[in-house]
């Protein structure tokens, strides 16, 4: 399929981006399009910028947190004990529960 069937290609401009690992990426953009400040490096996934001597720093990665860690950020020990006691009391009130008093 040639240009006659597809129509004329829009004028293009190629822009170089560099990541902190010194990988160069050269995507092409329509000449009238806004050029983004950053581009994801296809080799390592880090952000890349247009300044080869001063590429963007890698993003700060937060360590993985468990659900319990997030809960502990929002609740203190007193709140946690009160919520636990409330839940246990509801279980004790459930017919047939092994937590029923005197059972």
PDB file of N, CA and C in Angstrom:
ATOM      1  N   UNK A   1       0.856  -1.170   0.000  1.00  0.00           N
ATOM      2  CA  UNK A   1       0.000   0.000   0.000  1.00  0.00           C
ATOM      3  C   UNK A   1       0.902   1.233   0.000  1.00  0.00           C
ATOM      4  N   UNK A   2       0.723   2.050  -0.977  1.00  0.00           N
ATOM      5  CA  UNK A   2       1.584   3.218  -1.110  1.00  0.00           C
ATOM      6  C   UNK A   2       0.947   4.470  -0.539  1.00  0.00           C
ATOM      7  N   UNK A   3       1.666   5.563  -0.677  1.00  0.00           N
ATOM      8  CA  UNK A   3       1.187   6.839  -0.158  1.00  0.00           C
ATOM      9  C   UNK A   3      -0.094   7.289  -0.845  1.00  0.00           C
ATOM     10  N   UNK A   4      -0.265   6.918  -2.080  1.00  0.00           N
ATOM     11  CA  UNK A   4      -1.461   7.327  -2.823  1.00  0.00           C
ATOM     12  C   UNK A   4      -2.723   6.736  -2.184  1.00  0.00           C
ATOM     13  N   UNK A   5      -2.639   5.495  -1.694  1.00  0.00           N
ATOM     14  CA  UNK A   5      -3.791   4.857  -1.067  1.00  0.00           C
ATOM     15  C   UNK A   5      -4.032   5.353   0.360  1.00  0.00           C
ATOM     16  N   UNK A   6      -2.971   5.667   1.092  1.00  0.00           N
ATOM     17  CA  UNK A   6      -3.100   6.077   2.495  1.00  0.00           C
ATOM     18  C   UNK A   6      -3.255   7.574   2.658  1.00  0.00           C
ATOM     19  N   UNK A   7      -2.854   8.313   1.689  1.00  0.00           N
ATOM     20  CA  UNK A   7      -2.835   9.765   1.824  1.00  0.00           C
ATOM     21  C   UNK A   7      -1.431  10.208   2.210  1.00  0.00           C
ATOM     22  N   UNK A   8      -1.222  11.479   2.227  1.00  0.00           N
ATOM     23  CA  UNK A   8       0.102  11.995   2.550  1.00  0.00           C
ATOM     24  C   UNK A   8       0.368  11.925   4.041  1.00  0.00           C
ATOM     25  N   UNK A   9       1.597  11.609   4.382  1.00  0.00           N
ATOM     26  CA  UNK A   9       1.992  11.570   5.793  1.00  0.00           C
ATOM     27  C   UNK A   9       2.149  12.998   6.311  1.00  0.00           C
ATOM     28  N   UNK A  10       1.771  13.194   7.552  1.00  0.00           N
ATOM     29  CA  UNK A  10       1.922  14.516   8.172  1.00  0.00           C
ATOM     30  C   UNK A  10       3.410  14.800   8.374  1.00  0.00           C
ATOM     31  N   UNK A  11       3.802  16.055   8.284  1.00  0.00           N
ATOM     32  CA  UNK A  11       5.202  16.380   8.546  1.00  0.00           C
ATOM     33  C   UNK A  11       5.583  15.958   9.970  1.00  0.00           C
ATOM     34  N   UNK A  12       6.756  15.394  10.103  1.00  0.00           N
ATOM     35  CA  UNK A  12       7.209  14.841  11.382  1.00  0.00           C
ATOM     36  C   UNK A  12       8.467  15.531  11.866  1.00  0.00           C
ATOM     37  N   UNK A  13       8.658  15.455  13.194  1.00  0.00           N
ATOM     38  CA  UNK A  13       9.893  15.914  13.817  1.00  0.00           C
ATOM     39  C   UNK A  13      10.319  14.817  14.792  1.00  0.00           C
ATOM     40  N   UNK A  14      11.605  14.510  14.799  1.00  0.00           N
ATOM     41  CA  UNK A  14      12.142  13.486  15.709  1.00  0.00           C
ATOM     42  C   UNK A  14      12.855  14.196  16.854  1.00  0.00           C
ATOM     43  N   UNK A  15      12.563  13.744  18.084  1.00  0.00           N
ATOM     44  CA  UNK A  15      13.118  14.368  19.288  1.00  0.00           C
ATOM     45  C   UNK A  15      13.830  13.308  20.107  1.00  0.00           C
ATOM     46  N   UNK A  16      15.042  13.623  20.567  1.00  0.00           N
ATOM     47  CA  UNK A  16      15.807  12.684  21.392  1.00  0.00           C
ATOM     48  C   UNK A  16      15.491  12.875  22.870  1.00  0.00           C
ATOM     49  N   UNK A  17      15.338  11.755  23.562  1.00  0.00           N
ATOM     50  CA  UNK A  17      15.136  11.728  25.009  1.00  0.00           C
ATOM     51  C   UNK A  17      16.170  10.790  25.613  1.00  0.00           C
ATOM     52  N   UNK A  18      16.688  11.134  26.811  1.00  0.00           N
ATOM     53  CA  UNK A  18      17.665  10.304  27.508  1.00  0.00           C
ATOM     54  C   UNK A  18      17.188  10.034  28.926  1.00  0.00           C
ATOM     55  N   UNK A  19      17.375   8.775  29.370  1.00  0.00           N
ATOM     56  CA  UNK A  19      17.052   8.426  30.753  1.00  0.00           C
ATOM     57  C   UNK A  19      18.338   8.456  31.571  1.00  0.00           C
ATOM     58  N   UNK A  20      18.229   8.239  32.886  1.00  0.00           N
ATOM     59  CA  UNK A  20      19.420   8.295  33.744  1.00  0.00           C
ATOM     60  C   UNK A  20      20.375   7.137  33.484  1.00  0.00           C
ATOM     61  N   UNK A  21      19.933   6.102  32.763  1.00  0.00           N
ATOM     62  CA  UNK A  21      20.819   4.996  32.366  1.00  0.00           C
ATOM     63  C   UNK A  21      21.502   5.267  31.033  1.00  0.00           C
ATOM     64  N   UNK A  22      21.337   6.486  30.521  1.00  0.00           N
ATOM     65  CA  UNK A  22      21.942   6.959  29.268  1.00  0.00           C
ATOM     66  C   UNK A  22      21.384   6.260  28.029  1.00  0.00           C
ATOM     67  N   UNK A  23      20.188   5.711  28.136  1.00  0.00           N
ATOM     68  CA  UNK A  23      19.531   5.148  26.954  1.00  0.00           C
ATOM     69  C   UNK A  23      18.915   6.297  26.165  1.00  0.00           C
ATOM     70  N   UNK A  24      19.107   6.276  24.861  1.00  0.00           N
ATOM     71  CA  UNK A  24      18.534   7.305  24.007  1.00  0.00           C
ATOM     72  C   UNK A  24      17.313   6.737  23.283  1.00  0.00           C
ATOM     73  N   UNK A  25      16.234   7.508  23.269  1.00  0.00           N
ATOM     74  CA  UNK A  25      15.011   7.167  22.563  1.00  0.00           C
ATOM     75  C   UNK A  25      14.692   8.322  21.634  1.00  0.00           C
ATOM     76  N   UNK A  26      14.330   8.009  20.395  1.00  0.00           N
ATOM     77  CA  UNK A  26      14.046   9.072  19.425  1.00  0.00           C
ATOM     78  C   UNK A  26      12.664   8.844  18.818  1.00  0.00           C
ATOM     79  N   UNK A  27      11.594   9.204  19.531  1.00  0.00           N
ATOM     80  CA  UNK A  27      10.265   9.084  18.933  1.00  0.00           C
ATOM     81  C   UNK A  27      10.015  10.218  17.946  1.00  0.00           C
ATOM     82  N   UNK A  28       9.077  10.009  17.057  1.00  0.00           N
ATOM     83  CA  UNK A  28       8.721  11.076  16.119  1.00  0.00           C
ATOM     84  C   UNK A  28       7.330  11.592  16.461  1.00  0.00           C
ATOM     85  N   UNK A  29       7.151  12.888  16.257  1.00  0.00           N
ATOM     86  CA  UNK A  29       5.898  13.571  16.560  1.00  0.00           C
ATOM     87  C   UNK A  29       5.471  14.371  15.343  1.00  0.00           C
ATOM     88  N   UNK A  30       4.190  14.602  15.231  1.00  0.00           N
ATOM     89  CA  UNK A  30       3.707  15.508  14.185  1.00  0.00           C
ATOM     90  C   UNK A  30       4.329  16.872  14.445  1.00  0.00           C
ATOM     91  N   UNK A  31       4.709  17.563  13.391  1.00  0.00           N
ATOM     92  CA  UNK A  31       5.442  18.820  13.561  1.00  0.00           C
ATOM     93  C   UNK A  31       4.629  19.879  14.297  1.00  0.00           C
ATOM     94  N   UNK A  32       3.299  19.771  14.270  1.00  0.00           N
ATOM     95  CA  UNK A  32       2.491  20.767  14.975  1.00  0.00           C
ATOM     96  C   UNK A  32       2.034  20.283  16.360  1.00  0.00           C
ATOM     97  N   UNK A  33       2.497  19.098  16.797  1.00  0.00           N
ATOM     98  CA  UNK A  33       2.110  18.547  18.101  1.00  0.00           C
ATOM     99  C   UNK A  33       2.992  19.121  19.206  1.00  0.00           C
ATOM    100  N   UNK A  34       2.436  19.169  20.413  1.00  0.00           N
ATOM    101  CA  UNK A  34       3.212  19.596  21.580  1.00  0.00           C
ATOM    102  C   UNK A  34       4.150  18.458  21.977  1.00  0.00           C
ATOM    103  N   UNK A  35       5.411  18.776  22.172  1.00  0.00           N
ATOM    104  CA  UNK A  35       6.410  17.777  22.557  1.00  0.00           C
ATOM    105  C   UNK A  35       6.363  17.633  24.075  1.00  0.00           C
ATOM    106  N   UNK A  36       6.204  16.394  24.585  1.00  0.00           N
ATOM    107  CA  UNK A  36       6.136  16.221  26.033  1.00  0.00           C
ATOM    108  C   UNK A  36       7.492  16.481  26.690  1.00  0.00           C
ATOM    109  N   UNK A  37       7.453  16.868  27.954  1.00  0.00           N
ATOM    110  CA  UNK A  37       8.685  17.133  28.697  1.00  0.00           C
ATOM    111  C   UNK A  37       9.427  15.829  28.995  1.00  0.00           C
ATOM    112  N   UNK A  38       8.661  14.765  29.279  1.00  0.00           N
ATOM    113  CA  UNK A  38       9.254  13.465  29.610  1.00  0.00           C
ATOM    114  C   UNK A  38       8.685  12.388  28.701  1.00  0.00           C
ATOM    115  N   UNK A  39       9.469  11.312  28.551  1.00  0.00           N
ATOM    116  CA  UNK A  39       9.076  10.168  27.739  1.00  0.00           C
ATOM    117  C   UNK A  39       9.556   8.927  28.463  1.00  0.00           C
ATOM    118  N   UNK A  40       8.759   7.878  28.515  1.00  0.00           N
ATOM    119  CA  UNK A  40       9.190   6.643  29.176  1.00  0.00           C
ATOM    120  C   UNK A  40      10.208   5.918  28.304  1.00  0.00           C
ATOM    121  N   UNK A  41      11.333   5.560  28.906  1.00  0.00           N
ATOM    122  CA  UNK A  41      12.370   4.828  28.179  1.00  0.00           C
ATOM    123  C   UNK A  41      11.852   3.422  27.871  1.00  0.00           C
ATOM    124  N   UNK A  42      11.869   3.000  26.599  1.00  0.00           N
ATOM    125  CA  UNK A  42      11.369   1.661  26.266  1.00  0.00           C
ATOM    126  C   UNK A  42      12.303   0.540  26.722  1.00  0.00           C
ATOM    127  N   UNK A  43      13.551   0.857  27.056  1.00  0.00           N
ATOM    128  CA  UNK A  43      14.498  -0.178  27.487  1.00  0.00           C
ATOM    129  C   UNK A  43      14.414  -0.468  28.971  1.00  0.00           C
ATOM    130  N   UNK A  44      14.290   0.583  29.807  1.00  0.00           N
ATOM    131  CA  UNK A  44      14.293   0.359  31.252  1.00  0.00           C
ATOM    132  C   UNK A  44      13.043   0.880  31.951  1.00  0.00           C
ATOM    133  N   UNK A  45      12.194   1.631  31.247  1.00  0.00           N
ATOM    134  CA  UNK A  45      10.949   2.113  31.826  1.00  0.00           C
ATOM    135  C   UNK A  45      11.063   3.372  32.663  1.00  0.00           C
ATOM    136  N   UNK A  46      12.269   3.899  32.830  1.00  0.00           N
ATOM    137  CA  UNK A  46      12.454   5.114  33.624  1.00  0.00           C
ATOM    138  C   UNK A  46      12.094   6.345  32.793  1.00  0.00           C
ATOM    139  N   UNK A  47      11.786   7.459  33.460  1.00  0.00           N
ATOM    140  CA  UNK A  47      11.475   8.672  32.699  1.00  0.00           C
ATOM    141  C   UNK A  47      12.716   9.193  31.981  1.00  0.00           C
ATOM    142  N   UNK A  48      12.512   9.720  30.792  1.00  0.00           N
ATOM    143  CA  UNK A  48      13.612  10.277  29.994  1.00  0.00           C
ATOM    144  C   UNK A  48      13.271  11.728  29.670  1.00  0.00           C
ATOM    145  N   UNK A  49      14.306  12.570  29.613  1.00  0.00           N
ATOM    146  CA  UNK A  49      14.133  13.976  29.290  1.00  0.00           C
ATOM    147  C   UNK A  49      14.952  14.347  28.076  1.00  0.00           C
ATOM    148  N   UNK A  50      14.802  15.579  27.613  1.00  0.00           N
ATOM    149  CA  UNK A  50      15.479  16.020  26.397  1.00  0.00           C
ATOM    150  C   UNK A  50      16.904  16.508  26.640  1.00  0.00           C
ATOM    151  N   UNK A  51      17.293  16.726  27.898  1.00  0.00           N
ATOM    152  CA  UNK A  51      18.640  17.194  28.217  1.00  0.00           C
ATOM    153  C   UNK A  51      19.537  15.990  28.491  1.00  0.00           C
ATOM    154  N   UNK A  52      20.438  15.694  27.562  1.00  0.00           N
ATOM    155  CA  UNK A  52      21.306  14.514  27.692  1.00  0.00           C
ATOM    156  C   UNK A  52      22.211  14.607  28.920  1.00  0.00           C
ATOM    157  N   UNK A  53      22.673  15.795  29.253  1.00  0.00           N
ATOM    158  CA  UNK A  53      23.600  15.948  30.387  1.00  0.00           C
ATOM    159  C   UNK A  53      22.883  15.961  31.742  1.00  0.00           C
ATOM    160  N   UNK A  54      21.566  16.162  31.743  1.00  0.00           N
ATOM    161  CA  UNK A  54      20.827  16.217  32.997  1.00  0.00           C
ATOM    162  C   UNK A  54      19.496  15.468  32.857  1.00  0.00           C
ATOM    163  N   UNK A  55      19.564  14.127  32.749  1.00  0.00           N
ATOM    164  CA  UNK A  55      18.319  13.363  32.604  1.00  0.00           C
ATOM    165  C   UNK A  55      17.531  13.356  33.914  1.00  0.00           C
ATOM    166  N   UNK A  56      16.222  13.109  33.864  1.00  0.00           N
ATOM    167  CA  UNK A  56      15.430  13.080  35.094  1.00  0.00           C
ATOM    168  C   UNK A  56      15.856  11.935  36.013  1.00  0.00           C
ATOM    169  N   UNK A  57      15.755  12.184  37.301  1.00  0.00           N
ATOM    170  CA  UNK A  57      16.109  11.164  38.290  1.00  0.00           C
ATOM    171  C   UNK A  57      15.033  10.078  38.305  1.00  0.00           C
ATOM    172  N   UNK A  58      15.424   8.858  38.677  1.00  0.00           N
ATOM    173  CA  UNK A  58      14.414   7.804  38.765  1.00  0.00           C
ATOM    174  C   UNK A  58      13.407   8.143  39.862  1.00  0.00           C
ATOM    175  N   UNK A  59      12.158   7.758  39.690  1.00  0.00           N
ATOM    176  CA  UNK A  59      11.157   8.070  40.703  1.00  0.00           C
ATOM    177  C   UNK A  59      11.423   7.298  41.988  1.00  0.00           C
ATOM    178  N   UNK A  60      11.053   7.910  43.099  1.00  0.00           N
ATOM    179  CA  UNK A  60      11.221   7.270  44.401  1.00  0.00           C
ATOM    180  C   UNK A  60      10.147   6.206  44.551  1.00  0.00           C
ATOM    181  N   UNK A  61      10.550   4.978  44.748  1.00  0.00           N
ATOM    182  CA  UNK A  61       9.597   3.875  44.870  1.00  0.00           C
ATOM    183  C   UNK A  61       9.280   3.641  46.343  1.00  0.00           C
ATOM    184  N   UNK A  62       7.997   3.678  46.651  1.00  0.00           N
ATOM    185  CA  UNK A  62       7.553   3.383  48.013  1.00  0.00           C
ATOM    186  C   UNK A  62       7.628   1.877  48.231  1.00  0.00           C
ATOM    187  N   UNK A  63       8.076   1.452  49.414  1.00  0.00           N
ATOM    188  CA  UNK A  63       8.107   0.015  49.675  1.00  0.00           C
ATOM    189  C   UNK A  63       6.691  -0.557  49.737  1.00  0.00           C
ATOM    190  N   UNK A  64       6.574  -1.822  49.427  1.00  0.00           N
ATOM    191  CA  UNK A  64       5.276  -2.490  49.447  1.00  0.00           C
ATOM    192  C   UNK A  64       4.746  -2.504  50.873  1.00  0.00           C
ATOM    193  N   UNK A  65       3.487  -2.151  51.026  1.00  0.00           N
ATOM    194  CA  UNK A  65       2.858  -2.190  52.343  1.00  0.00           C
ATOM    195  C   UNK A  65       1.711  -3.194  52.314  1.00  0.00           C
ATOM    196  N   UNK A  66       1.595  -3.933  53.393  1.00  0.00           N
ATOM    197  CA  UNK A  66       0.483  -4.870  53.517  1.00  0.00           C
ATOM    198  C   UNK A  66      -0.770  -4.111  53.931  1.00  0.00           C
ATOM    199  N   UNK A  67      -1.902  -4.791  53.842  1.00  0.00           N
ATOM    200  CA  UNK A  67      -3.160  -4.194  54.275  1.00  0.00           C
ATOM    201  C   UNK A  67      -3.070  -3.825  55.757  1.00  0.00           C
ATOM    202  N   UNK A  68      -2.458  -4.695  56.539  1.00  0.00           N
ATOM    203  CA  UNK A  68      -2.323  -4.432  57.972  1.00  0.00           C
ATOM    204  C   UNK A  68      -1.491  -3.184  58.240  1.00  0.00           C
ATOM    205  N   UNK A  69      -0.452  -2.951  57.452  1.00  0.00           N
ATOM    206  CA  UNK A  69       0.378  -1.750  57.632  1.00  0.00           C
ATOM    207  C   UNK A  69      -0.441  -0.484  57.383  1.00  0.00           C
ATOM    208  N   UNK A  70      -1.300  -0.510  56.359  1.00  0.00           N
ATOM    209  CA  UNK A  70      -2.156   0.651  56.093  1.00  0.00           C
ATOM    210  C   UNK A  70      -3.158   0.867  57.224  1.00  0.00           C
ATOM    211  N   UNK A  71      -3.716  -0.221  57.749  1.00  0.00           N
ATOM    212  CA  UNK A  71      -4.662  -0.102  58.862  1.00  0.00           C
ATOM    213  C   UNK A  71      -3.960   0.489  60.075  1.00  0.00           C
ATOM    214  N   UNK A  72      -2.742   0.033  60.344  1.00  0.00           N
ATOM    215  CA  UNK A  72      -2.000   0.531  61.511  1.00  0.00           C
ATOM    216  C   UNK A  72      -1.650   2.012  61.376  1.00  0.00           C
ATOM    217  N   UNK A  73      -1.547   2.504  60.151  1.00  0.00           N
ATOM    218  CA  UNK A  73      -1.307   3.940  59.959  1.00  0.00           C
ATOM    219  C   UNK A  73      -2.523   4.761  60.384  1.00  0.00           C
ATOM    220  N   UNK A  74      -3.715   4.184  60.221  1.00  0.00           N
ATOM    221  CA  UNK A  74      -4.947   4.929  60.508  1.00  0.00           C
ATOM    222  C   UNK A  74      -5.462   4.705  61.919  1.00  0.00           C
ATOM    223  N   UNK A  75      -5.062   3.634  62.572  1.00  0.00           N
ATOM    224  CA  UNK A  75      -5.597   3.269  63.886  1.00  0.00           C
ATOM    225  C   UNK A  75      -4.477   3.127  64.911  1.00  0.00           C
ATOM    226  N   UNK A  76      -4.764   3.517  66.148  1.00  0.00           N
ATOM    227  CA  UNK A  76      -3.797   3.255  67.220  1.00  0.00           C
ATOM    228  C   UNK A  76      -4.205   1.956  67.921  1.00  0.00           C
ATOM    229  N   UNK A  77      -3.401   1.504  68.901  1.00  0.00           N
ATOM    230  CA  UNK A  77      -3.668   0.228  69.568  1.00  0.00           C
ATOM    231  C   UNK A  77      -4.997   0.233  70.317  1.00  0.00           C
ATOM    232  N   UNK A  78      -5.345   1.365  70.912  1.00  0.00           N
ATOM    233  CA  UNK A  78      -6.607   1.457  71.651  1.00  0.00           C
ATOM    234  C   UNK A  78      -7.800   1.276  70.706  1.00  0.00           C
ATOM    235  N   UNK A  79      -7.750   1.962  69.554  1.00  0.00           N
ATOM    236  CA  UNK A  79      -8.818   1.809  68.561  1.00  0.00           C
ATOM    237  C   UNK A  79      -8.902   0.368  68.076  1.00  0.00           C
ATOM    238  N   UNK A  80      -7.749  -0.234  67.828  1.00  0.00           N
ATOM    239  CA  UNK A  80      -7.712  -1.615  67.346  1.00  0.00           C
ATOM    240  C   UNK A  80      -8.315  -2.581  68.349  1.00  0.00           C
ATOM    241  N   UNK A  81      -7.997  -2.398  69.633  1.00  0.00           N
ATOM    242  CA  UNK A  81      -8.545  -3.275  70.668  1.00  0.00           C
ATOM    243  C   UNK A  81     -10.066  -3.112  70.755  1.00  0.00           C
ATOM    244  N   UNK A  82     -10.560  -1.881  70.634  1.00  0.00           N
ATOM    245  CA  UNK A  82     -11.998  -1.631  70.710  1.00  0.00           C
ATOM    246  C   UNK A  82     -12.721  -2.277  69.522  1.00  0.00           C
ATOM    247  N   UNK A  83     -12.152  -2.164  68.326  1.00  0.00           N
ATOM    248  CA  UNK A  83     -12.761  -2.759  67.130  1.00  0.00           C
ATOM    249  C   UNK A  83     -12.758  -4.282  67.244  1.00  0.00           C
ATOM    250  N   UNK A  84     -11.661  -4.857  67.746  1.00  0.00           N
ATOM    251  CA  UNK A  84     -11.580  -6.306  67.916  1.00  0.00           C
ATOM    252  C   UNK A  84     -12.624  -6.788  68.921  1.00  0.00           C
ATOM    253  N   UNK A  85     -12.736  -6.096  70.039  1.00  0.00           N
ATOM    254  CA  UNK A  85     -13.713  -6.495  71.056  1.00  0.00           C
ATOM    255  C   UNK A  85     -15.138  -6.413  70.509  1.00  0.00           C
ATOM    256  N   UNK A  86     -15.423  -5.373  69.736  1.00  0.00           N
ATOM    257  CA  UNK A  86     -16.747  -5.218  69.123  1.00  0.00           C
ATOM    258  C   UNK A  86     -17.051  -6.378  68.176  1.00  0.00           C
ATOM    259  N   UNK A  87     -16.056  -6.759  67.366  1.00  0.00           N
ATOM    260  CA  UNK A  87     -16.244  -7.866  66.428  1.00  0.00           C
ATOM    261  C   UNK A  87     -16.423  -9.186  67.173  1.00  0.00           C
ATOM    262  N   UNK A  88     -15.652  -9.410  68.223  1.00  0.00           N
ATOM    263  CA  UNK A  88     -15.787 -10.638  69.005  1.00  0.00           C
ATOM    264  C   UNK A  88     -17.148 -10.713  69.688  1.00  0.00           C
ATOM    265  N   UNK A  89     -17.622  -9.580  70.179  1.00  0.00           N
ATOM    266  CA  UNK A  89     -18.932  -9.562  70.835  1.00  0.00           C
ATOM    267  C   UNK A  89     -20.031  -9.913  69.833  1.00  0.00           C
ATOM    268  N   UNK A  90     -19.924  -9.410  68.595  1.00  0.00           N
ATOM    269  CA  UNK A  90     -20.905  -9.770  67.569  1.00  0.00           C
ATOM    270  C   UNK A  90     -20.874 -11.273  67.284  1.00  0.00           C
ATOM    271  N   UNK A  91     -19.669 -11.845  67.261  1.00  0.00           N
ATOM    272  CA  UNK A  91     -19.557 -13.291  67.038  1.00  0.00           C
ATOM    273  C   UNK A  91     -20.141 -14.070  68.205  1.00  0.00           C
ATOM    274  N   UNK A  92     -19.933 -13.582  69.410  1.00  0.00           N
ATOM    275  CA  UNK A  92     -20.472 -14.262  70.593  1.00  0.00           C
ATOM    276  C   UNK A  92     -22.000 -14.274  70.582  1.00  0.00           C
ATOM    277  N   UNK A  93     -22.602 -13.268  69.985  1.00  0.00           N
ATOM    278  CA  UNK A  93     -24.058 -13.168  69.930  1.00  0.00           C
ATOM    279  C   UNK A  93     -24.661 -14.025  68.815  1.00  0.00           C
ATOM    280  N   UNK A  94     -23.837 -14.532  67.925  1.00  0.00           N
ATOM    281  CA  UNK A  94     -24.307 -15.338  66.807  1.00  0.00           C
ATOM    282  C   UNK A  94     -24.685 -16.733  67.301  1.00  0.00           C
ATOM    283  N   UNK A  95     -25.903 -17.185  67.012  1.00  0.00           N
ATOM    284  CA  UNK A  95     -26.304 -18.528  67.435  1.00  0.00           C
ATOM    285  C   UNK A  95     -25.386 -19.595  66.822  1.00  0.00           C
ATOM    286  N   UNK A  96     -24.970 -20.536  67.613  1.00  0.00           N
ATOM    287  CA  UNK A  96     -24.114 -21.617  67.147  1.00  0.00           C
ATOM    288  C   UNK A  96     -22.645 -21.264  67.077  1.00  0.00           C
ATOM    289  N   UNK A  97     -22.273 -20.076  67.518  1.00  0.00           N
ATOM    290  CA  UNK A  97     -20.880 -19.661  67.455  1.00  0.00           C
ATOM    291  C   UNK A  97     -20.062 -20.385  68.521  1.00  0.00           C
ATOM    292  N   UNK A  98     -18.856 -20.774  68.193  1.00  0.00           N
ATOM    293  CA  UNK A  98     -17.983 -21.420  69.184  1.00  0.00           C
ATOM    294  C   UNK A  98     -17.456 -20.403  70.192  1.00  0.00           C
ATOM    295  N   UNK A  99     -17.686 -19.131  69.953  1.00  0.00           N
ATOM    296  CA  UNK A  99     -17.220 -18.082  70.869  1.00  0.00           C
ATOM    297  C   UNK A  99     -18.277 -17.708  71.917  1.00  0.00           C
ATOM    298  N   UNK A 100     -19.422 -18.357  71.873  1.00  0.00           N
ATOM    299  CA  UNK A 100     -20.472 -18.023  72.840  1.00  0.00           C
ATOM    300  C   UNK A 100     -20.006 -18.358  74.240  1.00  0.00           C
ATOM    301  N   UNK A 101     -20.294 -17.478  75.134  1.00  0.00           N
ATOM    302  CA  UNK A 101     -19.913 -17.672  76.543  1.00  0.00           C
ATOM    303  C   UNK A 101     -20.737 -18.797  77.144  1.00  0.00           C
ATOM    304  N   UNK A 102     -20.064 -19.637  77.907  1.00  0.00           N
ATOM    305  CA  UNK A 102     -20.754 -20.712  78.599  1.00  0.00           C
ATOM    306  C   UNK A 102     -21.063 -21.886  77.705  1.00  0.00           C
ATOM    307  N   UNK A 103     -20.630 -21.839  76.466  1.00  0.00           N
ATOM    308  CA  UNK A 103     -20.916 -22.951  75.562  1.00  0.00           C
ATOM    309  C   UNK A 103     -19.834 -23.995  75.641  1.00  0.00           C
TER     310      UNK A 103
END
